């Protein structure tokens, strides 16, 4: 069974913004921390793919 990873859904800037907004609106510090981590990982993966494509 596959494990859910939010990063798989954060493929656009809009998706990242919506994820962070929802976490901030919830107000739970643990959720905000998790959302920031997910967005950072998503952006890092996107940068890695872009760099690999340009090499």
N, C-alpha and C. Protein backbone atom coordinates (compact mmCIF):
# COMPACT_ATOMS: atom_id res chain seq x y z
N UNK A 1 0.84 -1.17 0.00
CA UNK A 1 0.00 0.00 0.00
C UNK A 1 0.89 1.25 0.00
N UNK A 2 0.59 2.19 -0.86
CA UNK A 2 1.37 3.41 -0.97
C UNK A 2 1.11 4.33 0.22
N UNK A 3 2.15 5.03 0.62
CA UNK A 3 2.05 5.99 1.72
C UNK A 3 1.81 7.37 1.13
N UNK A 4 0.87 8.12 1.72
CA UNK A 4 0.57 9.47 1.24
C UNK A 4 1.71 10.41 1.61
N UNK A 5 2.12 11.22 0.65
CA UNK A 5 3.10 12.27 0.89
C UNK A 5 2.55 13.55 0.28
N UNK A 6 2.32 14.56 1.11
CA UNK A 6 1.73 15.82 0.64
C UNK A 6 2.54 16.46 -0.47
N UNK A 7 3.84 16.21 -0.48
CA UNK A 7 4.71 16.80 -1.50
C UNK A 7 4.25 16.42 -2.91
N UNK A 8 3.68 15.24 -3.05
CA UNK A 8 3.20 14.80 -4.36
C UNK A 8 2.08 15.70 -4.89
N UNK A 9 1.39 16.39 -3.99
CA UNK A 9 0.28 17.26 -4.38
C UNK A 9 0.73 18.72 -4.54
N UNK A 10 1.92 19.04 -4.09
CA UNK A 10 2.41 20.42 -4.11
C UNK A 10 3.29 20.65 -5.33
N UNK A 11 2.67 20.62 -6.48
CA UNK A 11 3.43 20.71 -7.73
C UNK A 11 3.42 22.10 -8.36
N UNK A 12 2.64 23.01 -7.78
CA UNK A 12 2.58 24.38 -8.30
C UNK A 12 2.72 25.37 -7.15
N UNK A 13 3.07 26.61 -7.48
CA UNK A 13 3.14 27.66 -6.46
C UNK A 13 1.77 27.86 -5.82
N UNK A 14 0.72 27.76 -6.61
CA UNK A 14 -0.64 27.92 -6.10
C UNK A 14 -0.96 26.84 -5.06
N UNK A 15 -0.60 25.62 -5.34
CA UNK A 15 -0.86 24.52 -4.40
C UNK A 15 -0.08 24.73 -3.10
N UNK A 16 1.16 25.19 -3.21
CA UNK A 16 1.96 25.47 -2.02
C UNK A 16 1.33 26.59 -1.20
N UNK A 17 0.91 27.64 -1.87
CA UNK A 17 0.28 28.77 -1.18
C UNK A 17 -1.00 28.35 -0.48
N UNK A 18 -1.80 27.55 -1.14
CA UNK A 18 -3.06 27.09 -0.54
C UNK A 18 -2.80 26.20 0.67
N UNK A 19 -1.79 25.36 0.59
CA UNK A 19 -1.45 24.48 1.70
C UNK A 19 -1.00 25.29 2.91
N UNK A 20 -0.12 26.27 2.68
CA UNK A 20 0.34 27.11 3.78
C UNK A 20 -0.80 27.95 4.36
N UNK A 21 -1.64 28.48 3.50
CA UNK A 21 -2.78 29.29 3.96
C UNK A 21 -3.70 28.47 4.85
N UNK A 22 -4.01 27.27 4.44
CA UNK A 22 -4.89 26.41 5.23
C UNK A 22 -4.26 26.11 6.59
N UNK A 23 -2.97 25.85 6.61
CA UNK A 23 -2.29 25.55 7.88
C UNK A 23 -2.29 26.77 8.79
N UNK A 24 -2.03 27.94 8.23
CA UNK A 24 -2.02 29.17 9.03
C UNK A 24 -3.41 29.49 9.57
N UNK A 25 -4.43 29.27 8.75
CA UNK A 25 -5.80 29.53 9.19
C UNK A 25 -6.21 28.59 10.31
N UNK A 26 -5.70 27.35 10.28
CA UNK A 26 -6.00 26.39 11.34
C UNK A 26 -5.40 26.84 12.67
N UNK A 27 -4.20 27.39 12.59
CA UNK A 27 -3.56 27.94 13.78
C UNK A 27 -2.78 26.94 14.63
N UNK A 28 -2.76 25.69 14.27
CA UNK A 28 -2.02 24.68 15.02
C UNK A 28 -0.54 24.78 14.64
N UNK A 29 0.33 25.11 15.60
CA UNK A 29 1.75 25.27 15.28
C UNK A 29 2.38 24.03 14.66
N UNK A 30 1.95 22.85 15.08
CA UNK A 30 2.50 21.61 14.50
C UNK A 30 2.10 21.48 13.04
N UNK A 31 0.89 21.86 12.71
CA UNK A 31 0.42 21.80 11.33
C UNK A 31 1.15 22.81 10.46
N UNK A 32 1.38 24.01 10.99
CA UNK A 32 2.12 25.04 10.25
C UNK A 32 3.54 24.55 9.98
N UNK A 33 4.17 23.96 10.99
CA UNK A 33 5.52 23.44 10.84
C UNK A 33 5.57 22.34 9.78
N UNK A 34 4.60 21.45 9.81
CA UNK A 34 4.55 20.37 8.83
C UNK A 34 4.34 20.92 7.42
N UNK A 35 3.45 21.90 7.29
CA UNK A 35 3.18 22.50 5.97
C UNK A 35 4.41 23.20 5.43
N UNK A 36 5.13 23.92 6.29
CA UNK A 36 6.36 24.58 5.85
C UNK A 36 7.39 23.55 5.38
N UNK A 37 7.49 22.46 6.10
CA UNK A 37 8.41 21.40 5.70
C UNK A 37 8.03 20.78 4.38
N UNK A 38 6.73 20.55 4.20
CA UNK A 38 6.25 19.96 2.94
C UNK A 38 6.54 20.88 1.77
N UNK A 39 6.27 22.17 1.94
CA UNK A 39 6.51 23.13 0.86
C UNK A 39 8.01 23.24 0.56
N UNK A 40 8.83 23.26 1.60
CA UNK A 40 10.28 23.32 1.39
C UNK A 40 10.76 22.10 0.62
N UNK A 41 10.26 20.91 0.99
CA UNK A 41 10.65 19.70 0.26
C UNK A 41 10.15 19.75 -1.17
N UNK A 42 8.93 20.23 -1.37
CA UNK A 42 8.37 20.32 -2.73
C UNK A 42 9.20 21.27 -3.59
N UNK A 43 9.56 22.41 -3.05
CA UNK A 43 10.36 23.37 -3.81
C UNK A 43 11.74 22.82 -4.08
N UNK A 44 12.31 22.11 -3.12
CA UNK A 44 13.62 21.50 -3.31
C UNK A 44 13.59 20.44 -4.39
N UNK A 45 12.54 19.64 -4.43
CA UNK A 45 12.42 18.61 -5.46
C UNK A 45 12.24 19.25 -6.83
N UNK A 46 11.46 20.34 -6.91
CA UNK A 46 11.26 21.03 -8.18
C UNK A 46 12.57 21.61 -8.68
N UNK A 47 13.35 22.21 -7.78
CA UNK A 47 14.63 22.78 -8.16
C UNK A 47 15.57 21.68 -8.65
N UNK A 48 15.57 20.55 -7.96
CA UNK A 48 16.42 19.43 -8.36
C UNK A 48 16.07 18.95 -9.77
N UNK A 49 14.79 18.84 -10.06
CA UNK A 49 14.34 18.39 -11.39
C UNK A 49 14.75 19.41 -12.44
N UNK A 50 14.57 20.72 -12.14
CA UNK A 50 14.94 21.75 -13.10
C UNK A 50 16.44 21.75 -13.39
N UNK A 51 17.25 21.58 -12.34
CA UNK A 51 18.69 21.53 -12.53
C UNK A 51 19.12 20.30 -13.33
N UNK A 52 18.50 19.19 -13.06
CA UNK A 52 18.82 17.96 -13.79
C UNK A 52 18.45 18.10 -15.27
N UNK A 53 17.34 18.76 -15.53
CA UNK A 53 16.89 18.92 -16.92
C UNK A 53 17.80 19.85 -17.71
N UNK A 54 18.41 20.81 -17.01
CA UNK A 54 19.27 21.76 -17.72
C UNK A 54 20.71 21.26 -17.87
N UNK A 55 21.03 20.15 -17.25
CA UNK A 55 22.41 19.64 -17.32
C UNK A 55 22.66 18.87 -18.60
